[in-house]
């Protein structure tokens, strides 16, 4: 795959990540960083606006980490190349049909990612739902697998043929929804005008340029945004630690006050007892 290109919905992006390394990895930082990066796999990462599939080319951007206040964690920047699944609204994808109903068509993309085509995005002048139909499709090994569709299937009005050729269908990406750290694709068999799109369907920005991201990631070309991001992260760490210290101090003062009150009550009780005697 080219270093600075896009092949379908798969993109290679070089980006920077701020690492919080636990003290148990002090003598083996690379292992600790790899473990943290593995936590991003098959999850949606807002920073790259897609699902991370793999990581490579790890580079430490600092010779040492920062240990702040009484936190034992080491904080520093790393550069890493990520392979990201990032479909673009308006692009074309292929999916394997795994469910059909009068309301939608369920699909599986690359055998991994879920997609759905709502009935509102299926042209009724071309297709119709046949509640009494069954269909079959070919498996990946070429053998035919018959599937009984209890709820029927979508077919061509003109011929009655199944909507999906050999169980697969081509559709346009009309919406991308983040669900449980994963992207779910909403597809369409008709062009969806921008004015008809829901708020979540509006394009929020142009696709990430891998070369521009790489430029910002290089140590020698670190820009103001990187410094600002680092400052923001460090500020958040300071605020968190300061807040924890303040809370701890408050708890100590409350316990001290409570102990003082108990002592005063005890002294008062003993004085009263001595007076009565």
C-alpha atoms as a PDB file:
ATOM      1  CA  UNK A   1       0.000   0.000   0.000  1.00  0.00           C
ATOM      2  CA  UNK A   2       1.406   3.452  -0.895  1.00  0.00           C
ATOM      3  CA  UNK A   3       2.745   5.549   1.941  1.00  0.00           C
ATOM      4  CA  UNK A   4       0.632   8.621   1.263  1.00  0.00           C
ATOM      5  CA  UNK A   5      -2.432   7.379  -0.570  1.00  0.00           C
ATOM      6  CA  UNK A   6      -5.943   6.061  -0.298  1.00  0.00           C
ATOM      7  CA  UNK A   7      -7.052   2.676  -1.601  1.00  0.00           C
ATOM      8  CA  UNK A   8     -10.827   2.471  -1.328  1.00  0.00           C
ATOM      9  CA  UNK A   9     -11.873   2.918   2.303  1.00  0.00           C
ATOM     10  CA  UNK A  10      -8.418   1.929   3.622  1.00  0.00           C
ATOM     11  CA  UNK A  11      -6.035   4.748   4.508  1.00  0.00           C
ATOM     12  CA  UNK A  12      -2.525   4.840   5.948  1.00  0.00           C
ATOM     13  CA  UNK A  13      -2.106   7.720   8.377  1.00  0.00           C
ATOM     14  CA  UNK A  14       1.004   8.739  10.288  1.00  0.00           C
ATOM     15  CA  UNK A  15      -0.028  10.503  13.464  1.00  0.00           C
ATOM     16  CA  UNK A  16       1.179  11.426  16.941  1.00  0.00           C
ATOM     17  CA  UNK A  17      -0.128   9.905  20.171  1.00  0.00           C
ATOM     18  CA  UNK A  18       0.496  11.094  23.713  1.00  0.00           C
ATOM     19  CA  UNK A  19       1.491   8.055  25.788  1.00  0.00           C
ATOM     20  CA  UNK A  20       0.968   7.559  29.542  1.00  0.00           C
ATOM     21  CA  UNK A  21       3.396   4.735  30.315  1.00  0.00           C
ATOM     22  CA  UNK A  22       2.914   2.759  33.592  1.00  0.00           C
ATOM     23  CA  UNK A  23       6.023   2.322  35.773  1.00  0.00           C
ATOM     24  CA  UNK A  24       6.019  -1.455  35.182  1.00  0.00           C
ATOM     25  CA  UNK A  25       7.253  -0.725  31.625  1.00  0.00           C
ATOM     26  CA  UNK A  26      10.054   1.643  32.702  1.00  0.00           C
ATOM     27  CA  UNK A  27      12.765  -0.790  31.538  1.00  0.00           C
ATOM     28  CA  UNK A  28      10.875  -1.920  28.415  1.00  0.00           C
ATOM     29  CA  UNK A  29       9.042   1.165  27.082  1.00  0.00           C
ATOM     30  CA  UNK A  30       8.519  -0.133  23.535  1.00  0.00           C
ATOM     31  CA  UNK A  31       6.664  -3.183  24.848  1.00  0.00           C
ATOM     32  CA  UNK A  32       4.445  -0.936  26.964  1.00  0.00           C
ATOM     33  CA  UNK A  33       3.740   1.398  24.037  1.00  0.00           C
ATOM     34  CA  UNK A  34       2.896  -1.547  21.755  1.00  0.00           C
ATOM     35  CA  UNK A  35       0.461  -2.812  24.374  1.00  0.00           C
ATOM     36  CA  UNK A  36      -1.275   0.573  24.501  1.00  0.00           C
ATOM     37  CA  UNK A  37      -1.418   0.768  20.690  1.00  0.00           C
ATOM     38  CA  UNK A  38      -2.945  -2.724  20.544  1.00  0.00           C
ATOM     39  CA  UNK A  39      -5.823  -1.322  22.590  1.00  0.00           C
ATOM     40  CA  UNK A  40      -6.779   0.841  19.582  1.00  0.00           C
ATOM     41  CA  UNK A  41      -7.152  -2.126  17.211  1.00  0.00           C
ATOM     42  CA  UNK A  42     -10.636  -2.717  15.765  1.00  0.00           C
ATOM     43  CA  UNK A  43     -11.911   0.397  17.521  1.00  0.00           C
ATOM     44  CA  UNK A  44     -12.982   3.780  16.208  1.00  0.00           C
ATOM     45  CA  UNK A  45     -10.321   6.421  16.896  1.00  0.00           C
ATOM     46  CA  UNK A  46     -11.623  10.033  16.682  1.00  0.00           C
ATOM     47  CA  UNK A  47      -8.109  11.373  16.047  1.00  0.00           C
ATOM     48  CA  UNK A  48      -7.978   9.631  12.645  1.00  0.00           C
ATOM     49  CA  UNK A  49     -11.765   9.457  12.135  1.00  0.00           C
ATOM     50  CA  UNK A  50     -11.806   5.744  11.420  1.00  0.00           C
ATOM     51  CA  UNK A  51     -11.367   2.192  12.729  1.00  0.00           C
ATOM     52  CA  UNK A  52      -7.735   1.231  13.414  1.00  0.00           C
ATOM     53  CA  UNK A  53      -6.792  -2.089  11.796  1.00  0.00           C
ATOM     54  CA  UNK A  54      -3.013  -2.185  12.322  1.00  0.00           C
ATOM     55  CA  UNK A  55      -0.069  -0.093  13.499  1.00  0.00           C
ATOM     56  CA  UNK A  56       3.594   0.048  12.459  1.00  0.00           C
ATOM     57  CA  UNK A  57       6.686   2.285  12.241  1.00  0.00           C
ATOM     58  CA  UNK A  58       6.667   3.263  15.909  1.00  0.00           C
ATOM     59  CA  UNK A  59       9.041   6.142  16.706  1.00  0.00           C
ATOM     60  CA  UNK A  60       9.809   7.799  20.030  1.00  0.00           C
ATOM     61  CA  UNK A  61       9.718  11.569  19.562  1.00  0.00           C
ATOM     62  CA  UNK A  62      11.325  12.380  22.911  1.00  0.00           C
ATOM     63  CA  UNK A  63      14.482  11.076  24.586  1.00  0.00           C
ATOM     64  CA  UNK A  64      12.784  10.974  27.990  1.00  0.00           C
ATOM     65  CA  UNK A  65       9.304  11.141  29.482  1.00  0.00           C
ATOM     66  CA  UNK A  66       7.787  13.560  31.990  1.00  0.00           C
ATOM     67  CA  UNK A  67       6.757  12.447  35.486  1.00  0.00           C
ATOM     68  CA  UNK A  68       4.382  15.002  36.958  1.00  0.00           C
ATOM     69  CA  UNK A  69       3.767  15.628  40.647  1.00  0.00           C
ATOM     70  CA  UNK A  70       3.176  12.368  42.518  1.00  0.00           C
ATOM     71  CA  UNK A  71       1.912  10.450  39.449  1.00  0.00           C
ATOM     72  CA  UNK A  72       4.196   7.460  38.649  1.00  0.00           C
ATOM     73  CA  UNK A  73       3.302   7.472  34.945  1.00  0.00           C
ATOM     74  CA  UNK A  74       5.727   8.702  32.292  1.00  0.00           C
ATOM     75  CA  UNK A  75       4.238  11.012  29.645  1.00  0.00           C
ATOM     76  CA  UNK A  76       5.686  11.495  26.144  1.00  0.00           C
ATOM     77  CA  UNK A  77       4.860  11.691  22.424  1.00  0.00           C
ATOM     78  CA  UNK A  78       5.292   8.908  19.876  1.00  0.00           C
ATOM     79  CA  UNK A  79       4.807   8.780  16.106  1.00  0.00           C
ATOM     80  CA  UNK A  80       3.069   5.771  14.582  1.00  0.00           C
ATOM     81  CA  UNK A  81       1.643   4.728  11.230  1.00  0.00           C
ATOM     82  CA  UNK A  82      -1.936   3.442  11.393  1.00  0.00           C
ATOM     83  CA  UNK A  83      -3.889   1.459   8.824  1.00  0.00           C
ATOM     84  CA  UNK A  84      -7.403   2.866   9.112  1.00  0.00           C
ATOM     85  CA  UNK A  85     -10.755   1.763   7.718  1.00  0.00           C
ATOM     86  CA  UNK A  86     -12.343   5.060   6.856  1.00  0.00           C
ATOM     87  CA  UNK A  87     -15.180   4.940   4.310  1.00  0.00           C
ATOM     88  CA  UNK A  88     -16.227   8.308   2.900  1.00  0.00           C
ATOM     89  CA  UNK A  89     -19.819   9.464   2.485  1.00  0.00           C
ATOM     90  CA  UNK A  90     -20.761   9.377  -1.165  1.00  0.00           C
ATOM     91  CA  UNK A  91     -18.294   6.569  -1.974  1.00  0.00           C
ATOM     92  CA  UNK A  92     -19.270   3.122  -3.234  1.00  0.00           C
ATOM     93  CA  UNK A  93     -18.886  -0.124  -1.259  1.00  0.00           C
ATOM     94  CA  UNK A  94     -19.829  -3.775  -1.733  1.00  0.00           C
ATOM     95  CA  UNK A  95     -21.513  -5.806   0.994  1.00  0.00           C
ATOM     96  CA  UNK A  96     -22.752  -9.355   1.506  1.00  0.00           C
ATOM     97  CA  UNK A  97     -26.442  -9.588   2.358  1.00  0.00           C
ATOM     98  CA  UNK A  98     -27.066 -11.292   5.706  1.00  0.00           C
ATOM     99  CA  UNK A  99     -30.589 -10.046   6.485  1.00  0.00           C
ATOM    100  CA  UNK A 100     -33.605  -8.729   4.602  1.00  0.00           C
ATOM    101  CA  UNK A 101     -36.859  -7.291   5.887  1.00  0.00           C
ATOM    102  CA  UNK A 102     -39.483  -4.801   4.680  1.00  0.00           C
ATOM    103  CA  UNK A 103     -37.642  -2.101   6.689  1.00  0.00           C
ATOM    104  CA  UNK A 104     -34.043  -2.608   5.582  1.00  0.00           C
ATOM    105  CA  UNK A 105     -31.324  -4.773   4.079  1.00  0.00           C
ATOM    106  CA  UNK A 106     -28.548  -5.891   6.443  1.00  0.00           C
ATOM    107  CA  UNK A 107     -25.033  -6.263   5.042  1.00  0.00           C
ATOM    108  CA  UNK A 108     -21.549  -7.351   6.092  1.00  0.00           C
ATOM    109  CA  UNK A 109     -18.586  -5.504   4.552  1.00  0.00           C
ATOM    110  CA  UNK A 110     -15.285  -7.420   4.225  1.00  0.00           C
ATOM    111  CA  UNK A 111     -16.844 -10.020   6.527  1.00  0.00           C
ATOM    112  CA  UNK A 112     -16.337  -7.635   9.460  1.00  0.00           C
ATOM    113  CA  UNK A 113     -18.159  -4.291   9.318  1.00  0.00           C
ATOM    114  CA  UNK A 114     -21.930  -3.899   9.561  1.00  0.00           C
ATOM    115  CA  UNK A 115     -24.005  -1.902   7.101  1.00  0.00           C
ATOM    116  CA  UNK A 116     -27.699  -1.290   6.602  1.00  0.00           C
ATOM    117  CA  UNK A 117     -29.768   0.036   3.717  1.00  0.00           C
ATOM    118  CA  UNK A 118     -33.073   1.462   5.058  1.00  0.00           C
ATOM    119  CA  UNK A 119     -36.150   0.950   2.900  1.00  0.00           C
ATOM    120  CA  UNK A 120     -36.350   4.736   2.389  1.00  0.00           C
ATOM    121  CA  UNK A 121     -33.122   4.482   0.388  1.00  0.00           C
ATOM    122  CA  UNK A 122     -34.333   1.617  -1.809  1.00  0.00           C
ATOM    123  CA  UNK A 123     -36.038   2.938  -4.999  1.00  0.00           C
ATOM    124  CA  UNK A 124     -39.605   1.592  -4.953  1.00  0.00           C
ATOM    125  CA  UNK A 125     -40.020   2.126  -8.683  1.00  0.00           C
ATOM    126  CA  UNK A 126     -37.306  -0.462  -9.302  1.00  0.00           C
ATOM    127  CA  UNK A 127     -37.512  -2.853  -6.343  1.00  0.00           C
ATOM    128  CA  UNK A 128     -40.229  -4.381  -4.215  1.00  0.00           C
ATOM    129  CA  UNK A 129     -40.286  -6.611  -1.155  1.00  0.00           C
ATOM    130  CA  UNK A 130     -41.563 -10.149  -1.785  1.00  0.00           C
ATOM    131  CA  UNK A 131     -42.607 -11.675   1.595  1.00  0.00           C
ATOM    132  CA  UNK A 132     -42.878 -15.207   0.154  1.00  0.00           C
ATOM    133  CA  UNK A 133     -39.502 -15.400  -1.581  1.00  0.00           C
ATOM    134  CA  UNK A 134     -36.373 -17.435  -0.765  1.00  0.00           C
ATOM    135  CA  UNK A 135     -32.942 -16.957  -2.223  1.00  0.00           C
ATOM    136  CA  UNK A 136     -29.534 -18.609  -2.443  1.00  0.00           C
ATOM    137  CA  UNK A 137     -26.008 -17.273  -2.864  1.00  0.00           C
ATOM    138  CA  UNK A 138     -22.509 -18.639  -3.374  1.00  0.00           C
ATOM    139  CA  UNK A 139     -20.067 -19.008  -0.514  1.00  0.00           C
ATOM    140  CA  UNK A 140     -16.493 -17.716  -0.756  1.00  0.00           C
ATOM    141  CA  UNK A 141     -15.295 -21.213  -1.692  1.00  0.00           C
ATOM    142  CA  UNK A 142     -17.631 -21.217  -4.715  1.00  0.00           C
ATOM    143  CA  UNK A 143     -20.195 -23.683  -3.359  1.00  0.00           C
ATOM    144  CA  UNK A 144     -23.831 -22.674  -3.317  1.00  0.00           C
ATOM    145  CA  UNK A 145     -25.596 -22.253  -0.011  1.00  0.00           C
ATOM    146  CA  UNK A 146     -29.369 -22.153   0.062  1.00  0.00           C
ATOM    147  CA  UNK A 147     -30.889 -19.786   2.609  1.00  0.00           C
ATOM    148  CA  UNK A 148     -34.567 -19.763   3.456  1.00  0.00           C
ATOM    149  CA  UNK A 149     -35.639 -16.167   4.069  1.00  0.00           C
ATOM    150  CA  UNK A 150     -38.599 -16.330   6.425  1.00  0.00           C
ATOM    151  CA  UNK A 151     -39.387 -12.642   6.003  1.00  0.00           C
ATOM    152  CA  UNK A 152     -38.928 -12.618   2.248  1.00  0.00           C
ATOM    153  CA  UNK A 153     -36.505 -10.583   0.158  1.00  0.00           C
ATOM    154  CA  UNK A 154     -36.178  -7.507  -2.050  1.00  0.00           C
ATOM    155  CA  UNK A 155     -36.485  -8.283  -5.766  1.00  0.00           C
ATOM    156  CA  UNK A 156     -36.455  -6.476  -9.103  1.00  0.00           C
ATOM    157  CA  UNK A 157     -39.991  -5.533 -10.106  1.00  0.00           C
ATOM    158  CA  UNK A 158     -39.356  -6.232 -13.759  1.00  0.00           C
ATOM    159  CA  UNK A 159     -37.918  -9.754 -13.437  1.00  0.00           C
ATOM    160  CA  UNK A 160     -38.483 -10.908  -9.845  1.00  0.00           C
ATOM    161  CA  UNK A 161     -34.724 -11.485  -9.569  1.00  0.00           C
ATOM    162  CA  UNK A 162     -33.032 -11.087  -6.169  1.00  0.00           C
ATOM    163  CA  UNK A 163     -31.667  -7.626  -5.415  1.00  0.00           C
ATOM    164  CA  UNK A 164     -28.186  -8.955  -4.679  1.00  0.00           C
ATOM    165  CA  UNK A 165     -26.104 -10.689  -7.343  1.00  0.00           C
ATOM    166  CA  UNK A 166     -24.840 -13.904  -5.743  1.00  0.00           C
ATOM    167  CA  UNK A 167     -25.646 -12.510  -2.321  1.00  0.00           C
ATOM    168  CA  UNK A 168     -23.673  -9.253  -2.675  1.00  0.00           C
ATOM    169  CA  UNK A 169     -24.740  -5.732  -3.515  1.00  0.00           C
ATOM    170  CA  UNK A 170     -23.124  -2.424  -4.440  1.00  0.00           C
ATOM    171  CA  UNK A 171     -24.345   0.671  -2.598  1.00  0.00           C
ATOM    172  CA  UNK A 172     -23.474   4.267  -1.843  1.00  0.00           C
ATOM    173  CA  UNK A 173     -22.379   5.332   1.651  1.00  0.00           C
ATOM    174  CA  UNK A 174     -24.910   7.876   2.892  1.00  0.00           C
ATOM    175  CA  UNK A 175     -24.162   7.950   6.626  1.00  0.00           C
ATOM    176  CA  UNK A 176     -21.531   6.824   9.142  1.00  0.00           C
ATOM    177  CA  UNK A 177     -22.544   6.223  12.748  1.00  0.00           C
ATOM    178  CA  UNK A 178     -20.186   5.488  15.638  1.00  0.00           C
ATOM    179  CA  UNK A 179     -21.603   2.672  17.781  1.00  0.00           C
ATOM    180  CA  UNK A 180     -19.687   0.983  20.637  1.00  0.00           C
ATOM    181  CA  UNK A 181     -16.271   2.116  19.333  1.00  0.00           C
ATOM    182  CA  UNK A 182     -17.114   0.845  15.847  1.00  0.00           C
ATOM    183  CA  UNK A 183     -18.434   2.432  12.653  1.00  0.00           C
ATOM    184  CA  UNK A 184     -21.783   1.338  11.260  1.00  0.00           C
ATOM    185  CA  UNK A 185     -22.486   2.250   7.647  1.00  0.00           C
ATOM    186  CA  UNK A 186     -25.864   3.391   6.350  1.00  0.00           C
ATOM    187  CA  UNK A 187     -26.136   2.753   2.634  1.00  0.00           C
ATOM    188  CA  UNK A 188     -28.351   3.862  -0.217  1.00  0.00           C
ATOM    189  CA  UNK A 189     -29.316   2.517  -3.627  1.00  0.00           C
ATOM    190  CA  UNK A 190     -30.296   6.016  -4.757  1.00  0.00           C
ATOM    191  CA  UNK A 191     -28.414   9.297  -4.729  1.00  0.00           C
ATOM    192  CA  UNK A 192     -29.191  11.096  -1.476  1.00  0.00           C
ATOM    193  CA  UNK A 193     -29.308  14.899  -1.906  1.00  0.00           C
ATOM    194  CA  UNK A 194     -27.515  16.848   0.823  1.00  0.00           C
ATOM    195  CA  UNK A 195     -30.768  18.589   1.742  1.00  0.00           C
ATOM    196  CA  UNK A 196     -32.351  15.211   2.555  1.00  0.00           C
ATOM    197  CA  UNK A 197     -29.557  14.012   4.800  1.00  0.00           C
ATOM    198  CA  UNK A 198     -29.998  13.851   8.560  1.00  0.00           C
ATOM    199  CA  UNK A 199     -27.699  15.936  10.764  1.00  0.00           C
ATOM    200  CA  UNK A 200     -25.462  12.918  11.460  1.00  0.00           C
ATOM    201  CA  UNK A 201     -25.114  12.367   7.708  1.00  0.00           C
ATOM    202  CA  UNK A 202     -23.543  15.744   6.941  1.00  0.00           C
ATOM    203  CA  UNK A 203     -19.874  15.682   5.989  1.00  0.00           C
ATOM    204  CA  UNK A 204     -17.882  17.273   8.809  1.00  0.00           C
ATOM    205  CA  UNK A 205     -14.665  17.746   6.854  1.00  0.00           C
ATOM    206  CA  UNK A 206     -12.531  16.518   4.018  1.00  0.00           C
ATOM    207  CA  UNK A 207     -10.653  13.190   4.283  1.00  0.00           C
ATOM    208  CA  UNK A 208      -7.350  13.282   6.176  1.00  0.00           C
ATOM    209  CA  UNK A 209      -4.305  13.833   3.941  1.00  0.00           C
ATOM    210  CA  UNK A 210      -1.794  11.236   5.112  1.00  0.00           C
ATOM    211  CA  UNK A 211       1.137  13.316   3.869  1.00  0.00           C
ATOM    212  CA  UNK A 212       0.047  16.396   5.787  1.00  0.00           C
ATOM    213  CA  UNK A 213      -0.499  14.370   8.935  1.00  0.00           C
ATOM    214  CA  UNK A 214       2.946  12.858   8.496  1.00  0.00           C
ATOM    215  CA  UNK A 215       4.475  16.301   8.143  1.00  0.00           C
ATOM    216  CA  UNK A 216       2.994  17.423  11.443  1.00  0.00           C
ATOM    217  CA  UNK A 217       4.202  14.177  13.015  1.00  0.00           C
ATOM    218  CA  UNK A 218       7.908  14.593  12.172  1.00  0.00           C
ATOM    219  CA  UNK A 219      10.019  15.738  15.158  1.00  0.00           C
ATOM    220  CA  UNK A 220      11.864  18.351  13.101  1.00  0.00           C
ATOM    221  CA  UNK A 221       8.605  19.878  11.828  1.00  0.00           C
ATOM    222  CA  UNK A 222       6.614  19.960  15.046  1.00  0.00           C
ATOM    223  CA  UNK A 223       4.185  22.899  14.861  1.00  0.00           C
ATOM    224  CA  UNK A 224       2.131  25.016  17.195  1.00  0.00           C
ATOM    225  CA  UNK A 225      -0.812  22.609  17.211  1.00  0.00           C
ATOM    226  CA  UNK A 226       1.425  19.836  18.561  1.00  0.00           C
ATOM    227  CA  UNK A 227       2.724  22.110  21.318  1.00  0.00           C
ATOM    228  CA  UNK A 228      -0.804  23.182  22.101  1.00  0.00           C
ATOM    229  CA  UNK A 229      -1.981  19.540  22.261  1.00  0.00           C
ATOM    230  CA  UNK A 230       0.909  18.626  24.534  1.00  0.00           C
ATOM    231  CA  UNK A 231       0.204  21.616  26.731  1.00  0.00           C
ATOM    232  CA  UNK A 232      -3.476  20.750  26.945  1.00  0.00           C
ATOM    233  CA  UNK A 233      -2.731  17.143  27.920  1.00  0.00           C
ATOM    234  CA  UNK A 234      -0.207  18.202  30.553  1.00  0.00           C
ATOM    235  CA  UNK A 235      -2.621  20.828  31.889  1.00  0.00           C
ATOM    236  CA  UNK A 236      -5.287  18.152  32.223  1.00  0.00           C
ATOM    237  CA  UNK A 237      -2.840  15.934  34.133  1.00  0.00           C
ATOM    238  CA  UNK A 238      -1.954  18.821  36.453  1.00  0.00           C
ATOM    239  CA  UNK A 239      -5.613  19.640  37.068  1.00  0.00           C
ATOM    240  CA  UNK A 240      -6.427  15.992  37.783  1.00  0.00           C
ATOM    241  CA  UNK A 241      -3.535  15.602  40.226  1.00  0.00           C
ATOM    242  CA  UNK A 242      -4.339  18.942  41.872  1.00  0.00           C
ATOM    243  CA  UNK A 243      -7.973  17.906  42.232  1.00  0.00           C
ATOM    244  CA  UNK A 244      -6.984  14.566  43.781  1.00  0.00           C
ATOM    245  CA  UNK A 245      -4.669  16.324  46.241  1.00  0.00           C
ATOM    246  CA  UNK A 246      -7.378  18.807  47.168  1.00  0.00           C
ATOM    247  CA  UNK A 247      -9.851  15.983  47.750  1.00  0.00           C
ATOM    248  CA  UNK A 248      -7.322  14.068  49.848  1.00  0.00           C
ATOM    249  CA  UNK A 249      -6.616  17.185  51.927  1.00  0.00           C
ATOM    250  CA  UNK A 250     -10.327  17.762  52.452  1.00  0.00           C
ATOM    251  CA  UNK A 251     -10.821  14.165  53.613  1.00  0.00           C
ATOM    252  CA  UNK A 252      -7.949  14.521  56.090  1.00  0.00           C
ATOM    253  CA  UNK A 253      -9.401  17.751  57.467  1.00  0.00           C
ATOM    254  CA  UNK A 254     -12.848  16.169  57.824  1.00  0.00           C
ATOM    255  CA  UNK A 255     -11.387  13.184  59.682  1.00  0.00           C
ATOM    256  CA  UNK A 256      -9.384  15.514  61.914  1.00  0.00           C
ATOM    257  CA  UNK A 257     -12.479  17.580  62.682  1.00  0.00           C
ATOM    258  CA  UNK A 258     -14.497  14.449  63.382  1.00  0.00           C
ATOM    259  CA  UNK A 259     -11.798  13.155  65.738  1.00  0.00           C
ATOM    260  CA  UNK A 260     -11.716  16.523  67.513  1.00  0.00           C
ATOM    261  CA  UNK A 261     -15.500  16.498  68.015  1.00  0.00           C
ATOM    262  CA  UNK A 262     -15.400  12.972  69.426  1.00  0.00           C
ATOM    263  CA  UNK A 263     -12.635  13.983  71.863  1.00  0.00           C
ATOM    264  CA  UNK A 264     -14.590  17.060  73.011  1.00  0.00           C
ATOM    265  CA  UNK A 265     -17.702  14.958  73.582  1.00  0.00           C
ATOM    266  CA  UNK A 266     -15.673  12.401  75.536  1.00  0.00           C
ATOM    267  CA  UNK A 267     -14.034  15.109  77.702  1.00  0.00           C
ATOM    268  CA  UNK A 268     -17.377  16.740  78.340  1.00  0.00           C
ATOM    269  CA  UNK A 269     -18.887  13.432  79.368  1.00  0.00           C
ATOM    270  CA  UNK A 270     -15.999  12.665  81.737  1.00  0.00           C
ATOM    271  CA  UNK A 271     -16.231  16.128  83.350  1.00  0.00           C
ATOM    272  CA  UNK A 272     -19.927  15.709  83.904  1.00  0.00           C
ATOM    273  CA  UNK A 273     -19.376  12.267  85.464  1.00  0.00           C
ATOM    274  CA  UNK A 274     -16.690  13.630  87.820  1.00  0.00           C
ATOM    275  CA  UNK A 275     -18.971  16.515  88.839  1.00  0.00           C
ATOM    276  CA  UNK A 276     -21.850  14.164  89.637  1.00  0.00           C
ATOM    277  CA  UNK A 277     -19.577  12.072  91.860  1.00  0.00           C
END
